[in-house]
Amino acid sequence: MQDKALLDMWNRRHAEAESLGQVADVLEQNIHLASPGGQALDLACGRGANALYMARAGFDVTAWDLSPVAIERLNQAAQQAGLDIRTAVRDVIAQPPEPGSFNLILVSYFLERSLARAIAAALKPGGLLYYQTYSRAAVTDAGPSSPHYRLDDNELLTLFPALKVRVYREERLLGDREQGWRDRVMLVAEKVWTRRR
């Protein structure tokens, strides 16, 4: 389990937030790449906007977060919407997903580099990883202040070498910084089928 101060901070943030949050751009813009009906995991789900979006899109959704407050808010929203989402208060660092468990894994604004191999392994063959988080090359103050929780140039590509990149976006500081999709990095990558001969 993470330290109590960190858990208290997240519980407070989730309790005070007015909304369930925004659906991740990587998911909303690329959901068409995944086949509905598969097993989907929202890893470190927060208040669950992404889990709700995937459930509405026809996925069989599991959502995990360290914060019991976040999970309770998601459970309430799912019940009100008539959606069935399996939730658990779970320290995903101590208990990563089991290998070969999911057709789709979404990670949004959560960065724990040591989990990359387990996340890739948790995909079923043909499964997709949707990942979105913050870049160190930022033009605003959005996101974590610690550079440890931000990605270096092209780092997200290097974290999942066993997966095939299908979508990647990282604008960094190029061109007109007042336009575009700044401060963040997105990846959709596939665990390709391997055929034995």
C-alpha atoms as a PDB file:
ATOM      1  CA  MET A   1       0.000   0.000   0.000  1.00  0.00           C
ATOM      2  CA  GLN A   2       1.173   3.504  -0.771  1.00  0.00           C
ATOM      3  CA  ASP A   3       1.835   5.864   2.121  1.00  0.00           C
ATOM      4  CA  LYS A   4      -1.093   7.257   4.091  1.00  0.00           C
ATOM      5  CA  ALA A   5      -0.400  10.899   3.193  1.00  0.00           C
ATOM      6  CA  LEU A   6      -0.616  10.104  -0.516  1.00  0.00           C
ATOM      7  CA  LEU A   7      -3.840   8.142  -0.071  1.00  0.00           C
ATOM      8  CA  ASP A   8      -5.341  10.931   2.036  1.00  0.00           C
ATOM      9  CA  MET A   9      -4.439  13.492  -0.640  1.00  0.00           C
ATOM     10  CA  TRP A  10      -6.151  11.460  -3.396  1.00  0.00           C
ATOM     11  CA  ASN A  11      -9.204  10.760  -1.255  1.00  0.00           C
ATOM     12  CA  ARG A  12      -9.544  14.486  -0.545  1.00  0.00           C
ATOM     13  CA  ARG A  13      -9.181  15.404  -4.242  1.00  0.00           C
ATOM     14  CA  HIS A  14     -11.748  12.835  -5.315  1.00  0.00           C
ATOM     15  CA  ALA A  15     -14.194  13.898  -2.589  1.00  0.00           C
ATOM     16  CA  GLU A  16     -13.895  17.598  -3.457  1.00  0.00           C
ATOM     17  CA  ALA A  17     -14.090  17.234  -7.250  1.00  0.00           C
ATOM     18  CA  GLU A  18     -17.364  18.449  -8.707  1.00  0.00           C
ATOM     19  CA  SER A  19     -17.403  16.070 -11.673  1.00  0.00           C
ATOM     20  CA  LEU A  20     -16.232  12.596 -12.553  1.00  0.00           C
ATOM     21  CA  GLY A  21     -13.588  14.144 -14.809  1.00  0.00           C
ATOM     22  CA  GLN A  22     -13.049  14.151 -18.550  1.00  0.00           C
ATOM     23  CA  VAL A  23     -12.817  11.153 -20.838  1.00  0.00           C
ATOM     24  CA  ALA A  24      -9.198  10.749 -21.957  1.00  0.00           C
ATOM     25  CA  ASP A  25      -8.550  12.081 -25.449  1.00  0.00           C
ATOM     26  CA  VAL A  26      -6.651   8.929 -26.367  1.00  0.00           C
ATOM     27  CA  LEU A  27      -9.776   6.882 -25.657  1.00  0.00           C
ATOM     28  CA  GLU A  28     -12.374   9.225 -27.099  1.00  0.00           C
ATOM     29  CA  GLN A  29     -10.440   9.825 -30.328  1.00  0.00           C
ATOM     30  CA  ASN A  30      -9.448   6.179 -30.875  1.00  0.00           C
ATOM     31  CA  ILE A  31     -12.187   3.984 -29.377  1.00  0.00           C
ATOM     32  CA  HIS A  32     -13.064   2.864 -32.917  1.00  0.00           C
ATOM     33  CA  LEU A  33      -9.853   0.787 -33.008  1.00  0.00           C
ATOM     34  CA  ALA A  34     -11.139  -1.601 -30.330  1.00  0.00           C
ATOM     35  CA  SER A  35     -13.876  -4.199 -30.744  1.00  0.00           C
ATOM     36  CA  PRO A  36     -16.737  -3.728 -28.247  1.00  0.00           C
ATOM     37  CA  GLY A  37     -17.582  -6.621 -25.965  1.00  0.00           C
ATOM     38  CA  GLY A  38     -14.063  -7.374 -24.827  1.00  0.00           C
ATOM     39  CA  GLN A  39     -12.648  -7.221 -21.326  1.00  0.00           C
ATOM     40  CA  ALA A  40     -11.456  -3.654 -20.575  1.00  0.00           C
ATOM     41  CA  LEU A  41      -9.452  -2.378 -17.611  1.00  0.00           C
ATOM     42  CA  ASP A  42      -9.331   1.226 -16.440  1.00  0.00           C
ATOM     43  CA  LEU A  43      -6.093   1.114 -14.427  1.00  0.00           C
ATOM     44  CA  ALA A  44      -5.866   3.790 -11.695  1.00  0.00           C
ATOM     45  CA  CYS A  45      -9.345   4.859 -12.766  1.00  0.00           C
ATOM     46  CA  GLY A  46      -9.902   7.839 -10.505  1.00  0.00           C
ATOM     47  CA  ARG A  47     -13.583   8.814 -10.389  1.00  0.00           C
ATOM     48  CA  GLY A  48     -14.265   6.696 -13.456  1.00  0.00           C
ATOM     49  CA  ALA A  49     -15.165   8.873 -16.449  1.00  0.00           C
ATOM     50  CA  ASN A  50     -13.205   6.521 -18.716  1.00  0.00           C
ATOM     51  CA  ALA A  51     -14.708   3.367 -17.207  1.00  0.00           C
ATOM     52  CA  LEU A  52     -18.207   4.742 -17.739  1.00  0.00           C
ATOM     53  CA  TYR A  53     -17.350   5.710 -21.332  1.00  0.00           C
ATOM     54  CA  MET A  54     -16.034   2.207 -22.106  1.00  0.00           C
ATOM     55  CA  ALA A  55     -19.079   0.554 -20.508  1.00  0.00           C
ATOM     56  CA  ARG A  56     -21.405   2.728 -22.606  1.00  0.00           C
ATOM     57  CA  ALA A  57     -19.391   1.718 -25.686  1.00  0.00           C
ATOM     58  CA  GLY A  58     -20.150  -1.955 -24.987  1.00  0.00           C
ATOM     59  CA  PHE A  59     -17.060  -3.166 -23.140  1.00  0.00           C
ATOM     60  CA  ASP A  60     -17.034  -5.456 -20.112  1.00  0.00           C
ATOM     61  CA  VAL A  61     -15.260  -3.047 -17.747  1.00  0.00           C
ATOM     62  CA  THR A  62     -13.108  -3.511 -14.674  1.00  0.00           C
ATOM     63  CA  ALA A  63     -11.853  -0.406 -12.849  1.00  0.00           C
ATOM     64  CA  TRP A  64      -9.217  -0.226 -10.122  1.00  0.00           C
ATOM     65  CA  ASP A  65      -7.987   2.637  -8.000  1.00  0.00           C
ATOM     66  CA  LEU A  66      -6.118   3.097  -4.730  1.00  0.00           C
ATOM     67  CA  SER A  67      -8.726   5.566  -3.464  1.00  0.00           C
ATOM     68  CA  PRO A  68     -11.894   4.155  -1.874  1.00  0.00           C
ATOM     69  CA  VAL A  69     -13.496   7.588  -2.356  1.00  0.00           C
ATOM     70  CA  ALA A  70     -12.872   7.444  -6.120  1.00  0.00           C
ATOM     71  CA  ILE A  71     -14.251   3.908  -6.360  1.00  0.00           C
ATOM     72  CA  GLU A  72     -17.362   4.871  -4.377  1.00  0.00           C
ATOM     73  CA  ARG A  73     -18.036   7.812  -6.696  1.00  0.00           C
ATOM     74  CA  LEU A  74     -17.643   5.544  -9.723  1.00  0.00           C
ATOM     75  CA  ASN A  75     -19.947   2.911  -8.201  1.00  0.00           C
ATOM     76  CA  GLN A  76     -22.629   5.544  -7.582  1.00  0.00           C
ATOM     77  CA  ALA A  77     -22.355   6.920 -11.134  1.00  0.00           C
ATOM     78  CA  ALA A  78     -22.451   3.436 -12.675  1.00  0.00           C
ATOM     79  CA  GLN A  79     -25.530   2.519 -10.641  1.00  0.00           C
ATOM     80  CA  GLN A  80     -27.304   5.750 -11.640  1.00  0.00           C
ATOM     81  CA  ALA A  81     -26.483   5.081 -15.306  1.00  0.00           C
ATOM     82  CA  GLY A  82     -27.542   1.433 -15.105  1.00  0.00           C
ATOM     83  CA  LEU A  83     -24.046   0.231 -16.058  1.00  0.00           C
ATOM     84  CA  ASP A  84     -22.322  -2.849 -14.707  1.00  0.00           C
ATOM     85  CA  ILE A  85     -18.660  -2.078 -13.899  1.00  0.00           C
ATOM     86  CA  ARG A  86     -16.542  -4.322 -11.683  1.00  0.00           C
ATOM     87  CA  THR A  87     -14.602  -2.078  -9.329  1.00  0.00           C
ATOM     88  CA  ALA A  88     -11.969  -2.665  -6.698  1.00  0.00           C
ATOM     89  CA  VAL A  89      -9.887  -0.604  -4.335  1.00  0.00           C
ATOM     90  CA  ARG A  90      -6.520  -1.894  -5.436  1.00  0.00           C
ATOM     91  CA  ASP A  91      -2.910  -0.808  -5.201  1.00  0.00           C
ATOM     92  CA  VAL A  92      -1.986  -1.524  -8.808  1.00  0.00           C
ATOM     93  CA  ILE A  93       1.731  -1.227  -8.068  1.00  0.00           C
ATOM     94  CA  ALA A  94       1.566  -4.003  -5.465  1.00  0.00           C
ATOM     95  CA  GLN A  95      -1.060  -5.957  -7.449  1.00  0.00           C
ATOM     96  CA  PRO A  96      -0.640  -5.458 -11.192  1.00  0.00           C
ATOM     97  CA  PRO A  97      -3.089  -7.121 -13.570  1.00  0.00           C
ATOM     98  CA  GLU A  98      -2.674 -10.812 -14.353  1.00  0.00           C
ATOM     99  CA  PRO A  99      -1.101 -11.800 -17.688  1.00  0.00           C
ATOM    100  CA  GLY A 100      -3.464 -12.283 -20.627  1.00  0.00           C
ATOM    101  CA  SER A 101      -6.499 -10.818 -18.864  1.00  0.00           C
ATOM    102  CA  PHE A 102      -7.721  -7.881 -20.955  1.00  0.00           C
ATOM    103  CA  ASN A 103      -8.558  -6.912 -24.541  1.00  0.00           C
ATOM    104  CA  LEU A 104      -8.155  -3.221 -23.725  1.00  0.00           C
ATOM    105  CA  ILE A 105      -6.220  -1.464 -20.986  1.00  0.00           C
ATOM    106  CA  LEU A 106      -6.540   2.264 -20.437  1.00  0.00           C
ATOM    107  CA  VAL A 107      -4.017   4.217 -18.375  1.00  0.00           C
ATOM    108  CA  SER A 108      -4.784   7.913 -18.078  1.00  0.00           C
ATOM    109  CA  TYR A 109      -2.598  10.348 -16.139  1.00  0.00           C
ATOM    110  CA  PHE A 110      -0.922   7.649 -14.085  1.00  0.00           C
ATOM    111  CA  LEU A 111       2.765   6.937 -14.570  1.00  0.00           C
ATOM    112  CA  GLU A 112       4.549   4.099 -12.835  1.00  0.00           C
ATOM    113  CA  ARG A 113       7.320   2.983 -15.140  1.00  0.00           C
ATOM    114  CA  SER A 114       7.912  -0.244 -13.214  1.00  0.00           C
ATOM    115  CA  LEU A 115       4.430  -1.465 -14.271  1.00  0.00           C
ATOM    116  CA  ALA A 116       5.026  -1.215 -18.017  1.00  0.00           C
ATOM    117  CA  ARG A 117       6.025  -4.849 -18.514  1.00  0.00           C
ATOM    118  CA  ALA A 118       3.078  -6.128 -16.424  1.00  0.00           C
ATOM    119  CA  ILE A 119       0.640  -3.895 -18.303  1.00  0.00           C
ATOM    120  CA  ALA A 120       1.838  -5.202 -21.671  1.00  0.00           C
ATOM    121  CA  ALA A 121       1.697  -8.792 -20.397  1.00  0.00           C
ATOM    122  CA  ALA A 122      -1.874  -8.277 -19.141  1.00  0.00           C
ATOM    123  CA  LEU A 123      -3.127  -7.729 -22.683  1.00  0.00           C
ATOM    124  CA  LYS A 124      -4.599 -10.672 -24.546  1.00  0.00           C
ATOM    125  CA  PRO A 125      -3.226 -11.265 -28.053  1.00  0.00           C
ATOM    126  CA  GLY A 126      -4.721  -8.586 -30.288  1.00  0.00           C
ATOM    127  CA  GLY A 127      -5.392  -6.414 -27.224  1.00  0.00           C
ATOM    128  CA  LEU A 128      -4.893  -2.660 -27.205  1.00  0.00           C
ATOM    129  CA  LEU A 129      -3.196  -0.380 -24.718  1.00  0.00           C
ATOM    130  CA  TYR A 130      -4.530   3.189 -24.561  1.00  0.00           C
ATOM    131  CA  TYR A 131      -2.118   5.399 -22.628  1.00  0.00           C
ATOM    132  CA  GLN A 132      -2.187   9.147 -21.971  1.00  0.00           C
ATOM    133  CA  THR A 133      -0.105  11.144 -19.528  1.00  0.00           C
ATOM    134  CA  TYR A 134       1.972  14.287 -19.133  1.00  0.00           C
ATOM    135  CA  SER A 135       5.162  15.301 -20.904  1.00  0.00           C
ATOM    136  CA  ARG A 136       8.113  17.101 -19.351  1.00  0.00           C
ATOM    137  CA  ALA A 137       7.981  19.518 -22.304  1.00  0.00           C
ATOM    138  CA  ALA A 138       4.971  21.516 -21.164  1.00  0.00           C
ATOM    139  CA  VAL A 139       3.612  24.924 -22.060  1.00  0.00           C
ATOM    140  CA  THR A 140       1.168  25.140 -19.141  1.00  0.00           C
ATOM    141  CA  ASP A 141       1.204  24.237 -15.443  1.00  0.00           C
ATOM    142  CA  ALA A 142      -1.212  21.338 -15.921  1.00  0.00           C
ATOM    143  CA  GLY A 143      -0.270  18.048 -14.340  1.00  0.00           C
ATOM    144  CA  PRO A 144       2.205  16.979 -11.681  1.00  0.00           C
ATOM    145  CA  SER A 145       5.021  19.302 -10.631  1.00  0.00           C
ATOM    146  CA  SER A 146       7.506  16.461 -10.155  1.00  0.00           C
ATOM    147  CA  PRO A 147       9.377  15.535 -13.349  1.00  0.00           C
ATOM    148  CA  HIS A 148       9.340  11.919 -12.138  1.00  0.00           C
ATOM    149  CA  TYR A 149       5.644  11.772 -13.073  1.00  0.00           C
ATOM    150  CA  ARG A 150       6.203  13.213 -16.554  1.00  0.00           C
ATOM    151  CA  LEU A 151       7.602  11.595 -19.676  1.00  0.00           C
ATOM    152  CA  ASP A 152      10.804  12.466 -21.506  1.00  0.00           C
ATOM    153  CA  ASP A 153      10.895  12.869 -25.284  1.00  0.00           C
ATOM    154  CA  ASN A 154       9.576   9.631 -26.896  1.00  0.00           C
ATOM    155  CA  GLU A 155       9.814   7.801 -23.560  1.00  0.00           C
ATOM    156  CA  LEU A 156       6.338   6.307 -23.814  1.00  0.00           C
ATOM    157  CA  LEU A 157       7.421   4.509 -26.987  1.00  0.00           C
ATOM    158  CA  THR A 158      10.326   2.891 -25.131  1.00  0.00           C
ATOM    159  CA  LEU A 159       8.217   1.659 -22.204  1.00  0.00           C
ATOM    160  CA  PHE A 160       6.270  -0.840 -24.326  1.00  0.00           C
ATOM    161  CA  PRO A 161       8.728  -2.341 -26.845  1.00  0.00           C
ATOM    162  CA  ALA A 162       6.775  -5.605 -27.173  1.00  0.00           C
ATOM    163  CA  LEU A 163       3.696  -3.761 -28.484  1.00  0.00           C
ATOM    164  CA  LYS A 164       3.126  -2.399 -31.996  1.00  0.00           C
ATOM    165  CA  VAL A 165       2.371   1.323 -32.150  1.00  0.00           C
ATOM    166  CA  ARG A 166      -0.939   2.145 -33.832  1.00  0.00           C
ATOM    167  CA  VAL A 167      -1.351   5.786 -32.719  1.00  0.00           C
ATOM    168  CA  TYR A 168       1.205   8.114 -31.173  1.00  0.00           C
ATOM    169  CA  ARG A 169       1.009  11.834 -30.469  1.00  0.00           C
ATOM    170  CA  GLU A 170       3.553  14.037 -28.738  1.00  0.00           C
ATOM    171  CA  GLU A 171       3.712  17.640 -29.935  1.00  0.00           C
ATOM    172  CA  ARG A 172       6.094  18.906 -27.263  1.00  0.00           C
ATOM    173  CA  LEU A 173       7.179  22.514 -27.953  1.00  0.00           C
ATOM    174  CA  LEU A 174       7.022  22.526 -31.763  1.00  0.00           C
ATOM    175  CA  GLY A 175       5.416  25.323 -33.765  1.00  0.00           C
ATOM    176  CA  ASP A 176       2.654  27.552 -32.455  1.00  0.00           C
ATOM    177  CA  ARG A 177       2.426  26.656 -28.778  1.00  0.00           C
ATOM    178  CA  GLU A 178      -1.003  28.290 -28.488  1.00  0.00           C
ATOM    179  CA  GLN A 179      -2.521  25.578 -30.692  1.00  0.00           C
ATOM    180  CA  GLY A 180      -2.619  21.820 -30.756  1.00  0.00           C
ATOM    181  CA  TRP A 181      -2.533  19.126 -28.109  1.00  0.00           C
ATOM    182  CA  ARG A 182       0.128  20.262 -25.654  1.00  0.00           C
ATOM    183  CA  ASP A 183       1.656  19.045 -22.378  1.00  0.00           C
ATOM    184  CA  ARG A 184       0.594  15.442 -22.961  1.00  0.00           C
ATOM    185  CA  VAL A 185       1.547  12.252 -24.763  1.00  0.00           C
ATOM    186  CA  MET A 186      -0.794   9.584 -26.127  1.00  0.00           C
ATOM    187  CA  LEU A 187      -0.230   6.051 -27.344  1.00  0.00           C
ATOM    188  CA  VAL A 188      -2.411   3.280 -28.691  1.00  0.00           C
ATOM    189  CA  ALA A 189      -0.416   0.074 -29.081  1.00  0.00           C
ATOM    190  CA  GLU A 190      -1.374  -3.484 -29.960  1.00  0.00           C
ATOM    191  CA  LYS A 191      -0.203  -6.812 -28.626  1.00  0.00           C
ATOM    192  CA  VAL A 192       0.070  -8.599 -31.939  1.00  0.00           C
ATOM    193  CA  TRP A 193      -0.825 -12.228 -32.436  1.00  0.00           C
ATOM    194  CA  THR A 194       2.149 -14.537 -32.572  1.00  0.00           C
ATOM    195  CA  ARG A 195       1.686 -17.686 -34.573  1.00  0.00           C
ATOM    196  CA  ARG A 196       3.628 -20.793 -33.704  1.00  0.00           C
ATOM    197  CA  ARG A 197       4.952 -22.881 -36.539  1.00  0.00           C
END
